[in-house]
């Protein structure tokens, strides 16, 4: 399963990803597609994910705090910052896979592989080669 935390680009990219595996995707601040919501909750195995684009794990907005408290996820998967993140805050794991888009700002491109075994989640960041 592919979880996409926003800034999708053209909708057809999701169709390309769906050729690999089912996709759960949310809108990013650079998206305007009517096909995707701002937030999705997805249970994979025994792990509940809250997928949202803009999240500051240590400075959540009151609205986002309330939505996370209501959803009670094990993991908040987010994007936007282009910075890899894997940290537990107040019992919730926050994961940002980095970014897989065109190389920018000299930042390393990456994705995260999430391996689920029961309620256990292992996160492994995978560096992507620079695209030509």
N, C-alpha and C. Protein backbone atom coordinates (compact mmCIF):
# COMPACT_ATOMS: atom_id res chain seq x y z
N UNK A 1 0.86 -1.17 0.00
CA UNK A 1 0.00 0.00 0.00
C UNK A 1 0.90 1.24 0.00
N UNK A 2 0.51 2.25 -0.76
CA UNK A 2 1.27 3.50 -0.81
C UNK A 2 0.46 4.58 -0.11
N UNK A 3 1.09 5.26 0.85
CA UNK A 3 0.50 6.42 1.51
C UNK A 3 1.21 7.65 0.96
N UNK A 4 0.44 8.57 0.40
CA UNK A 4 1.01 9.79 -0.20
C UNK A 4 0.51 10.99 0.59
N UNK A 5 1.43 11.74 1.19
CA UNK A 5 1.07 12.83 2.09
C UNK A 5 1.01 14.19 1.40
N UNK A 6 0.66 14.22 0.14
CA UNK A 6 0.36 15.48 -0.52
C UNK A 6 1.46 16.05 -1.39
N UNK A 7 1.10 17.13 -2.09
CA UNK A 7 1.89 17.70 -3.19
C UNK A 7 2.07 16.62 -4.25
N UNK A 8 0.94 16.15 -4.72
CA UNK A 8 0.86 15.05 -5.66
C UNK A 8 1.36 15.44 -7.04
N UNK A 9 0.98 16.62 -7.49
CA UNK A 9 1.23 16.99 -8.88
C UNK A 9 0.02 16.57 -9.69
N UNK A 10 0.21 16.28 -10.97
CA UNK A 10 -0.92 15.88 -11.80
C UNK A 10 -1.57 14.58 -11.28
N UNK A 11 -2.91 14.52 -11.35
CA UNK A 11 -3.65 13.36 -10.85
C UNK A 11 -3.16 12.05 -11.47
N UNK A 12 -2.67 12.09 -12.70
CA UNK A 12 -2.26 10.86 -13.37
C UNK A 12 -1.08 10.18 -12.65
N UNK A 13 -0.34 10.92 -11.82
CA UNK A 13 0.74 10.30 -11.06
C UNK A 13 0.20 9.27 -10.07
N UNK A 14 -0.98 9.53 -9.52
CA UNK A 14 -1.58 8.56 -8.61
C UNK A 14 -1.95 7.30 -9.38
N UNK A 15 -2.45 7.44 -10.59
CA UNK A 15 -2.75 6.26 -11.41
C UNK A 15 -1.49 5.44 -11.66
N UNK A 16 -0.37 6.11 -11.88
CA UNK A 16 0.89 5.39 -12.07
C UNK A 16 1.30 4.65 -10.80
N UNK A 17 1.11 5.29 -9.65
CA UNK A 17 1.42 4.63 -8.38
C UNK A 17 0.47 3.45 -8.13
N UNK A 18 -0.80 3.61 -8.52
CA UNK A 18 -1.77 2.53 -8.33
C UNK A 18 -1.43 1.29 -9.17
N UNK A 19 -0.61 1.46 -10.19
CA UNK A 19 -0.15 0.30 -10.96
C UNK A 19 0.82 -0.54 -10.12
N UNK A 20 1.39 0.08 -9.08
CA UNK A 20 2.32 -0.62 -8.18
C UNK A 20 1.57 -1.22 -7.00
N UNK A 21 0.69 -0.41 -6.39
CA UNK A 21 -0.03 -0.84 -5.18
C UNK A 21 -1.21 0.11 -4.95
N UNK A 22 -2.18 -0.29 -4.13
CA UNK A 22 -3.27 0.64 -3.78
C UNK A 22 -2.68 1.90 -3.15
N UNK A 23 -3.35 3.04 -3.35
CA UNK A 23 -2.85 4.34 -2.88
C UNK A 23 -3.89 5.02 -2.01
N UNK A 24 -3.42 5.57 -0.90
CA UNK A 24 -4.19 6.50 -0.09
C UNK A 24 -3.44 7.83 -0.18
N UNK A 25 -4.10 8.87 -0.70
CA UNK A 25 -3.43 10.15 -0.92
C UNK A 25 -4.27 11.30 -0.39
N UNK A 26 -3.56 12.36 0.01
CA UNK A 26 -4.22 13.59 0.46
C UNK A 26 -3.66 14.77 -0.32
N UNK A 27 -4.40 15.85 -0.31
CA UNK A 27 -3.97 17.07 -0.99
C UNK A 27 -2.84 17.75 -0.22
N UNK A 28 -1.92 18.32 -0.98
CA UNK A 28 -0.89 19.17 -0.41
C UNK A 28 -1.20 20.61 -0.73
N UNK A 29 -0.39 21.51 -0.23
CA UNK A 29 -0.64 22.93 -0.48
C UNK A 29 -0.39 23.32 -1.93
N UNK A 30 0.23 22.47 -2.73
CA UNK A 30 0.43 22.75 -4.15
C UNK A 30 -0.54 21.99 -5.04
N UNK A 31 -1.53 21.33 -4.45
CA UNK A 31 -2.52 20.56 -5.20
C UNK A 31 -3.85 21.29 -5.24
N UNK A 32 -4.61 21.06 -6.31
CA UNK A 32 -5.96 21.62 -6.38
C UNK A 32 -6.95 20.63 -6.97
N UNK A 33 -6.63 19.36 -6.89
CA UNK A 33 -7.47 18.31 -7.46
C UNK A 33 -8.73 18.09 -6.62
N UNK A 34 -9.86 17.88 -7.27
CA UNK A 34 -11.08 17.52 -6.53
C UNK A 34 -11.10 16.03 -6.15
N UNK A 35 -10.08 15.31 -6.53
CA UNK A 35 -10.06 13.84 -6.34
C UNK A 35 -9.59 13.39 -4.96
N UNK A 36 -8.97 14.26 -4.20
CA UNK A 36 -8.36 13.83 -2.94
C UNK A 36 -8.78 14.75 -1.80
N UNK A 37 -8.95 14.18 -0.60
CA UNK A 37 -9.30 15.00 0.56
C UNK A 37 -8.05 15.61 1.21
N UNK A 38 -8.26 16.45 2.20
CA UNK A 38 -7.15 17.04 2.95
C UNK A 38 -6.57 16.05 3.94
N UNK A 39 -7.39 15.15 4.43
CA UNK A 39 -6.97 14.19 5.45
C UNK A 39 -7.61 12.84 5.15
N UNK A 40 -6.87 11.78 5.42
CA UNK A 40 -7.43 10.44 5.35
C UNK A 40 -6.94 9.64 6.55
N UNK A 41 -7.80 8.75 7.00
CA UNK A 41 -7.43 7.80 8.04
C UNK A 41 -7.45 6.42 7.38
N UNK A 42 -6.37 5.68 7.54
CA UNK A 42 -6.24 4.37 6.90
C UNK A 42 -5.67 3.39 7.90
N UNK A 43 -6.30 2.23 8.01
CA UNK A 43 -5.79 1.16 8.86
C UNK A 43 -5.13 0.13 7.96
N UNK A 44 -3.87 -0.14 8.24
CA UNK A 44 -3.11 -1.16 7.51
C UNK A 44 -2.59 -2.14 8.55
N UNK A 45 -2.97 -3.39 8.42
CA UNK A 45 -2.64 -4.35 9.46
C UNK A 45 -3.33 -3.91 10.73
N UNK A 46 -2.57 -3.80 11.80
CA UNK A 46 -3.11 -3.34 13.08
C UNK A 46 -2.66 -1.91 13.40
N UNK A 47 -2.23 -1.18 12.39
CA UNK A 47 -1.73 0.19 12.60
C UNK A 47 -2.67 1.19 11.92
N UNK A 48 -3.08 2.19 12.69
CA UNK A 48 -3.98 3.23 12.18
C UNK A 48 -3.17 4.47 11.84
N UNK A 49 -3.29 4.91 10.58
CA UNK A 49 -2.57 6.07 10.07
C UNK A 49 -3.52 7.25 9.90
N UNK A 50 -3.05 8.42 10.25
CA UNK A 50 -3.72 9.69 9.99
C UNK A 50 -2.82 10.40 8.99
N UNK A 51 -3.29 10.59 7.76
CA UNK A 51 -2.46 11.15 6.71
C UNK A 51 -2.93 12.58 6.43
N UNK A 52 -2.00 13.53 6.56
CA UNK A 52 -2.32 14.96 6.39
C UNK A 52 -1.04 15.64 5.91
N UNK A 53 -1.16 16.66 5.09
CA UNK A 53 0.03 17.25 4.47
C UNK A 53 0.86 18.11 5.42
N UNK A 54 0.28 19.17 5.93
CA UNK A 54 1.04 20.12 6.75
C UNK A 54 0.83 19.80 8.24
N UNK A 55 1.89 19.33 8.86
CA UNK A 55 1.87 18.99 10.28
C UNK A 55 3.19 19.45 10.88
N UNK A 56 3.11 20.17 11.98
CA UNK A 56 4.29 20.51 12.77
C UNK A 56 4.16 19.72 14.06
N UNK A 57 4.82 18.57 14.14
CA UNK A 57 4.59 17.66 15.27
C UNK A 57 4.69 18.29 16.65
N UNK A 58 5.60 19.22 16.84
CA UNK A 58 5.77 19.83 18.16
C UNK A 58 5.01 21.14 18.31
N UNK A 59 4.26 21.53 17.27
CA UNK A 59 3.48 22.76 17.33
C UNK A 59 2.18 22.58 16.55
N UNK A 60 1.40 21.57 16.98
CA UNK A 60 0.14 21.28 16.29
C UNK A 60 -0.85 22.41 16.49
N UNK A 61 -1.60 22.71 15.43
CA UNK A 61 -2.70 23.66 15.57
C UNK A 61 -3.76 23.04 16.47
N UNK A 62 -4.59 23.86 17.07
CA UNK A 62 -5.66 23.34 17.93
C UNK A 62 -6.59 22.43 17.12
N UNK A 63 -6.88 22.81 15.88
CA UNK A 63 -7.75 22.00 15.03
C UNK A 63 -7.13 20.62 14.77
N UNK A 64 -5.85 20.61 14.45
CA UNK A 64 -5.18 19.34 14.18
C UNK A 64 -5.07 18.49 15.44
N UNK A 65 -4.80 19.12 16.59
CA UNK A 65 -4.78 18.39 17.86
C UNK A 65 -6.11 17.69 18.09
N UNK A 66 -7.20 18.41 17.85
CA UNK A 66 -8.54 17.85 18.07
C UNK A 66 -8.82 16.71 17.09
N UNK A 67 -8.44 16.87 15.84
CA UNK A 67 -8.69 15.84 14.84
C UNK A 67 -7.87 14.57 15.14
N UNK A 68 -6.64 14.76 15.58
CA UNK A 68 -5.80 13.61 15.94
C UNK A 68 -6.36 12.94 17.20
N UNK A 69 -6.81 13.72 18.16
CA UNK A 69 -7.39 13.15 19.39
C UNK A 69 -8.65 12.35 19.06
N UNK A 70 -9.44 12.82 18.12
CA UNK A 70 -10.66 12.11 17.73
C UNK A 70 -10.33 10.84 16.96
N UNK A 71 -9.38 10.91 16.03
CA UNK A 71 -9.03 9.76 15.19
C UNK A 71 -8.25 8.69 15.96
N UNK A 72 -7.50 9.11 16.97
CA UNK A 72 -6.67 8.19 17.77
C UNK A 72 -5.77 7.31 16.90
N UNK A 73 -4.95 7.93 16.03
CA UNK A 73 -4.06 7.13 15.19
C UNK A 73 -2.84 6.66 15.96
N UNK A 74 -2.23 5.61 15.44
CA UNK A 74 -0.93 5.19 15.94
C UNK A 74 0.17 6.04 15.31
N UNK A 75 -0.07 6.44 14.04
CA UNK A 75 0.93 7.18 13.26
C UNK A 75 0.27 8.35 12.54
N UNK A 76 0.91 9.50 12.60
CA UNK A 76 0.55 10.64 11.76
C UNK A 76 1.60 10.71 10.67
N UNK A 77 1.17 10.49 9.44
CA UNK A 77 2.07 10.55 8.29
C UNK A 77 1.84 11.89 7.61
N UNK A 78 2.92 12.64 7.40
CA UNK A 78 2.77 13.98 6.85
C UNK A 78 3.88 14.28 5.86
N UNK A 79 3.74 15.39 5.15
CA UNK A 79 4.72 15.81 4.17
C UNK A 79 5.10 17.26 4.40
N UNK A 80 5.05 18.03 3.36
CA UNK A 80 5.23 19.49 3.32
C UNK A 80 6.65 19.97 3.59
N UNK A 81 7.28 19.56 4.65
CA UNK A 81 8.57 20.14 5.03
C UNK A 81 9.75 19.60 4.21
N UNK A 82 9.54 18.49 3.52
CA UNK A 82 10.61 17.82 2.75
C UNK A 82 11.72 17.32 3.66
N UNK A 83 11.45 17.24 4.95
CA UNK A 83 12.43 16.78 5.93
C UNK A 83 12.00 15.44 6.50
N UNK A 84 12.90 14.45 6.46
CA UNK A 84 12.59 13.16 7.06
C UNK A 84 12.33 13.35 8.55
N UNK A 85 11.38 12.57 9.05
CA UNK A 85 11.04 12.66 10.47
C UNK A 85 10.50 11.30 10.92
N UNK A 86 10.91 10.86 12.08
CA UNK A 86 10.36 9.68 12.73
C UNK A 86 10.54 9.89 14.22
N UNK A 87 9.48 10.37 14.86
CA UNK A 87 9.56 10.62 16.30
C UNK A 87 8.22 10.37 16.96
N UNK A 88 8.28 9.98 18.22
CA UNK A 88 7.08 9.74 19.01
C UNK A 88 6.89 10.93 19.94
N UNK A 89 5.68 11.50 19.89
CA UNK A 89 5.34 12.64 20.74
C UNK A 89 4.00 12.34 21.38
N UNK A 90 3.97 12.35 22.69
CA UNK A 90 2.73 12.07 23.43
C UNK A 90 2.07 10.77 22.98
N UNK A 91 2.88 9.76 22.74
CA UNK A 91 2.36 8.44 22.39
C UNK A 91 1.96 8.25 20.94
N UNK A 92 2.13 9.27 20.11
CA UNK A 92 1.79 9.17 18.69
C UNK A 92 3.08 9.28 17.88
N UNK A 93 3.22 8.40 16.93
CA UNK A 93 4.41 8.42 16.07
C UNK A 93 4.15 9.34 14.89
N UNK A 94 5.07 10.26 14.65
CA UNK A 94 4.98 11.19 13.52
C UNK A 94 6.06 10.81 12.52
N UNK A 95 5.63 10.58 11.27
CA UNK A 95 6.55 10.16 10.22
C UNK A 95 6.38 11.04 9.00
N UNK A 96 7.50 11.58 8.53
CA UNK A 96 7.56 12.30 7.26
C UNK A 96 8.62 11.57 6.43
N UNK A 97 8.23 11.07 5.24
CA UNK A 97 9.18 10.30 4.43
C UNK A 97 10.23 11.14 3.72
N UNK A 98 10.17 12.45 3.84
CA UNK A 98 11.06 13.31 3.06
C UNK A 98 10.30 13.74 1.82
N UNK A 99 10.93 13.67 0.67
CA UNK A 99 10.19 13.98 -0.55
C UNK A 99 10.82 13.27 -1.73
N UNK A 100 9.94 12.95 -2.70
CA UNK A 100 10.38 12.18 -3.86
C UNK A 100 10.31 12.99 -5.15
N UNK A 101 10.02 14.28 -5.03
CA UNK A 101 9.87 15.12 -6.23
C UNK A 101 11.20 15.48 -6.87
N UNK A 102 11.12 16.47 -7.74
CA UNK A 102 12.33 16.95 -8.43
C UNK A 102 13.32 17.48 -7.40
N UNK A 103 14.62 17.23 -7.63
CA UNK A 103 15.62 17.74 -6.68
C UNK A 103 15.52 19.25 -6.53
N UNK A 104 15.50 19.71 -5.26
CA UNK A 104 15.44 21.15 -4.98
C UNK A 104 16.19 21.43 -3.69
N UNK A 105 16.68 22.62 -3.60
CA UNK A 105 17.29 23.12 -2.37
C UNK A 105 18.47 22.27 -1.90
N UNK A 106 18.98 21.39 -2.75
CA UNK A 106 20.10 20.54 -2.37
C UNK A 106 19.72 19.47 -1.36
N UNK A 107 18.42 19.29 -1.12
CA UNK A 107 17.98 18.30 -0.13
C UNK A 107 18.01 16.90 -0.73
N UNK A 108 18.27 15.93 0.11
CA UNK A 108 18.28 14.54 -0.30
C UNK A 108 16.83 14.06 -0.51
N UNK A 109 16.58 13.43 -1.64
CA UNK A 109 15.26 12.87 -1.93
C UNK A 109 15.14 11.51 -1.26
N UNK A 110 13.95 11.24 -0.70
CA UNK A 110 13.76 9.96 -0.03
C UNK A 110 12.29 9.58 0.03
N UNK A 111 12.08 8.31 0.30
CA UNK A 111 10.77 7.76 0.64
C UNK A 111 10.98 6.97 1.93
N UNK A 112 9.89 6.59 2.54
CA UNK A 112 9.99 5.75 3.73
C UNK A 112 9.27 4.44 3.46
N UNK A 113 9.92 3.35 3.80
CA UNK A 113 9.28 2.04 3.76
C UNK A 113 8.81 1.73 5.17
N UNK A 114 7.54 1.43 5.29
CA UNK A 114 6.95 1.14 6.59
C UNK A 114 6.59 -0.34 6.63
N UNK A 115 7.18 -1.07 7.53
CA UNK A 115 6.91 -2.50 7.65
C UNK A 115 6.10 -2.73 8.92
N UNK A 116 4.95 -3.37 8.73
CA UNK A 116 4.03 -3.60 9.83
C UNK A 116 4.02 -5.07 10.19
N UNK A 117 4.16 -5.34 11.48
CA UNK A 117 4.04 -6.70 12.02
C UNK A 117 3.17 -6.59 13.26
N UNK A 118 1.89 -6.93 13.13
CA UNK A 118 0.95 -6.72 14.23
C UNK A 118 0.81 -5.24 14.49
N UNK A 119 1.09 -4.82 15.71
CA UNK A 119 1.02 -3.39 16.04
C UNK A 119 2.39 -2.73 15.97
N UNK A 120 3.39 -3.48 15.58
CA UNK A 120 4.75 -2.95 15.48
C UNK A 120 4.97 -2.33 14.10
N UNK A 121 5.64 -1.19 14.08
CA UNK A 121 5.93 -0.50 12.83
C UNK A 121 7.42 -0.20 12.77
N UNK A 122 8.05 -0.65 11.71
CA UNK A 122 9.46 -0.32 11.46
C UNK A 122 9.50 0.67 10.31
N UNK A 123 10.26 1.74 10.48
CA UNK A 123 10.38 2.77 9.45
C UNK A 123 11.81 2.77 8.93
N UNK A 124 11.93 2.69 7.62
CA UNK A 124 13.26 2.73 6.98
C UNK A 124 13.21 3.77 5.86
N UNK A 125 14.09 4.74 5.94
CA UNK A 125 14.18 5.77 4.90
C UNK A 125 15.07 5.26 3.78
N UNK A 126 14.64 5.47 2.55
CA UNK A 126 15.38 5.03 1.38
C UNK A 126 15.72 6.25 0.54
N UNK A 127 17.01 6.48 0.36
CA UNK A 127 17.48 7.60 -0.45
C UNK A 127 17.16 7.30 -1.92
N UNK A 128 16.64 8.32 -2.61
CA UNK A 128 16.37 8.20 -4.03
C UNK A 128 17.49 8.87 -4.81
N UNK A 129 17.83 8.32 -5.96
CA UNK A 129 18.87 8.97 -6.77
C UNK A 129 18.37 10.30 -7.31
N UNK A 130 19.29 11.21 -7.57
CA UNK A 130 18.89 12.47 -8.18
C UNK A 130 18.38 12.21 -9.58
N UNK A 131 17.24 12.79 -9.90
CA UNK A 131 16.65 12.61 -11.23
C UNK A 131 17.38 13.53 -12.21
N UNK A 132 17.49 13.08 -13.43
CA UNK A 132 18.18 13.88 -14.46
C UNK A 132 17.24 14.91 -15.04
